[in-house]
Amino acid sequence: MNDFPTTARRQLLRRPAAAAYLQAHYGFGTEKSLAKRACVGDGPPYLKACGRFALYDVDELDAWAQRQLGKQASKASAFSEEAA
């Protein structure tokens, strides 16, 4: 019997895999754009592993991508009405 807590493990992706995940699921995101956003501070949250590379949690990637997509609209004029 082990003494470790029974919690679900997070799925962590390195930057190239995170970019591929975003492309496959949302149609945007590149390795370079994730790197730039990490420097600027407006990208998805990540962990720094061994002080060398970023690890992105899949759940955090999904949440961040959803925020980037914005609200759904049923017609194009809905966007111009919001801006007015």
Protein backbone atom coordinates (compact mmCIF):
# COMPACT_ATOMS: atom_id res chain seq x y z
CA MET A 1 0.00 0.00 0.00
CA ASN A 2 1.38 3.42 -0.88
CA ASP A 3 1.18 6.53 1.27
CA PHE A 4 0.70 8.97 -1.62
CA PRO A 5 -2.56 10.92 -1.85
CA THR A 6 -4.94 9.74 -4.56
CA THR A 7 -5.29 12.90 -6.61
CA ALA A 8 -5.65 13.16 -10.33
CA ARG A 9 -2.43 13.98 -12.14
CA ARG A 10 -2.29 17.05 -14.32
CA GLN A 11 -1.33 16.61 -17.94
CA LEU A 12 1.66 18.86 -18.61
CA LEU A 13 2.96 19.68 -22.08
CA ARG A 14 6.22 21.24 -23.16
CA ARG A 15 5.93 24.31 -25.38
CA PRO A 16 6.04 22.52 -28.79
CA ALA A 17 3.33 20.07 -27.69
CA ALA A 18 1.28 22.88 -26.13
CA ALA A 19 1.39 24.80 -29.42
CA ALA A 20 0.33 21.67 -31.34
CA TYR A 21 -2.51 21.12 -28.86
CA LEU A 22 -3.77 24.69 -29.31
CA GLN A 23 -3.55 24.38 -33.10
CA ALA A 24 -5.46 21.08 -33.11
CA HIS A 25 -8.20 22.19 -30.72
CA TYR A 26 -8.55 25.93 -31.35
CA GLY A 27 -6.83 26.69 -34.66
CA PHE A 28 -4.28 29.14 -33.23
CA GLY A 29 -1.09 29.19 -31.22
CA THR A 30 2.50 28.58 -32.24
CA GLU A 31 5.60 27.76 -30.27
CA LYS A 32 6.99 31.23 -30.98
CA SER A 33 3.78 33.00 -29.96
CA LEU A 34 3.70 31.06 -26.67
CA ALA A 35 7.33 32.03 -26.03
CA LYS A 36 6.63 35.69 -26.74
CA ARG A 37 3.50 35.72 -24.60
CA ALA A 38 5.46 34.10 -21.76
CA CYS A 39 7.93 37.00 -21.90
CA VAL A 40 5.24 39.66 -22.14
CA GLY A 41 3.06 38.00 -19.51
CA ASP A 42 -0.23 37.66 -21.39
CA GLY A 43 0.01 33.98 -22.27
CA PRO A 44 -1.30 30.89 -20.54
CA PRO A 45 0.19 30.12 -17.13
CA TYR A 46 3.09 27.69 -17.09
CA LEU A 47 5.54 26.03 -14.76
CA LYS A 48 9.28 26.40 -15.23
CA ALA A 49 10.86 22.94 -15.17
CA CYS A 50 14.50 22.63 -14.15
CA GLY A 51 14.83 26.36 -14.78
CA ARG A 52 15.01 25.60 -18.51
CA PHE A 53 11.68 24.92 -20.16
CA ALA A 54 8.00 25.73 -19.76
CA LEU A 55 5.36 23.14 -18.91
CA TYR A 56 1.75 24.00 -19.71
CA ASP A 57 -1.20 22.36 -17.95
CA VAL A 58 -3.81 21.26 -20.51
CA ASP A 59 -6.68 22.57 -18.38
CA GLU A 60 -4.98 25.97 -18.15
CA LEU A 61 -4.39 25.98 -21.92
CA ASP A 62 -8.09 25.31 -22.50
CA ALA A 63 -9.17 28.07 -20.13
CA TRP A 64 -6.74 30.58 -21.67
CA ALA A 65 -7.76 29.68 -25.24
CA GLN A 66 -11.44 30.10 -24.38
CA ARG A 67 -10.73 33.59 -23.04
CA GLN A 68 -8.87 34.45 -26.26
CA LEU A 69 -11.84 33.39 -28.39
CA GLY A 70 -14.23 35.83 -26.76
CA LYS A 71 -18.01 35.70 -26.94
CA GLN A 72 -19.95 33.84 -29.61
CA ALA A 73 -22.12 35.82 -31.99
CA SER A 74 -24.88 34.68 -34.32
CA LYS A 75 -24.19 37.43 -36.87
CA ALA A 76 -21.27 39.67 -37.79
CA SER A 77 -23.11 42.86 -36.88
CA ALA A 78 -23.20 41.73 -33.24
CA PHE A 79 -19.52 42.64 -32.97
CA SER A 80 -20.00 46.15 -34.36
CA GLU A 81 -22.98 46.72 -32.04
CA GLU A 82 -20.82 45.91 -29.02
CA ALA A 83 -18.12 48.35 -30.14
CA ALA A 84 -20.61 51.21 -30.50
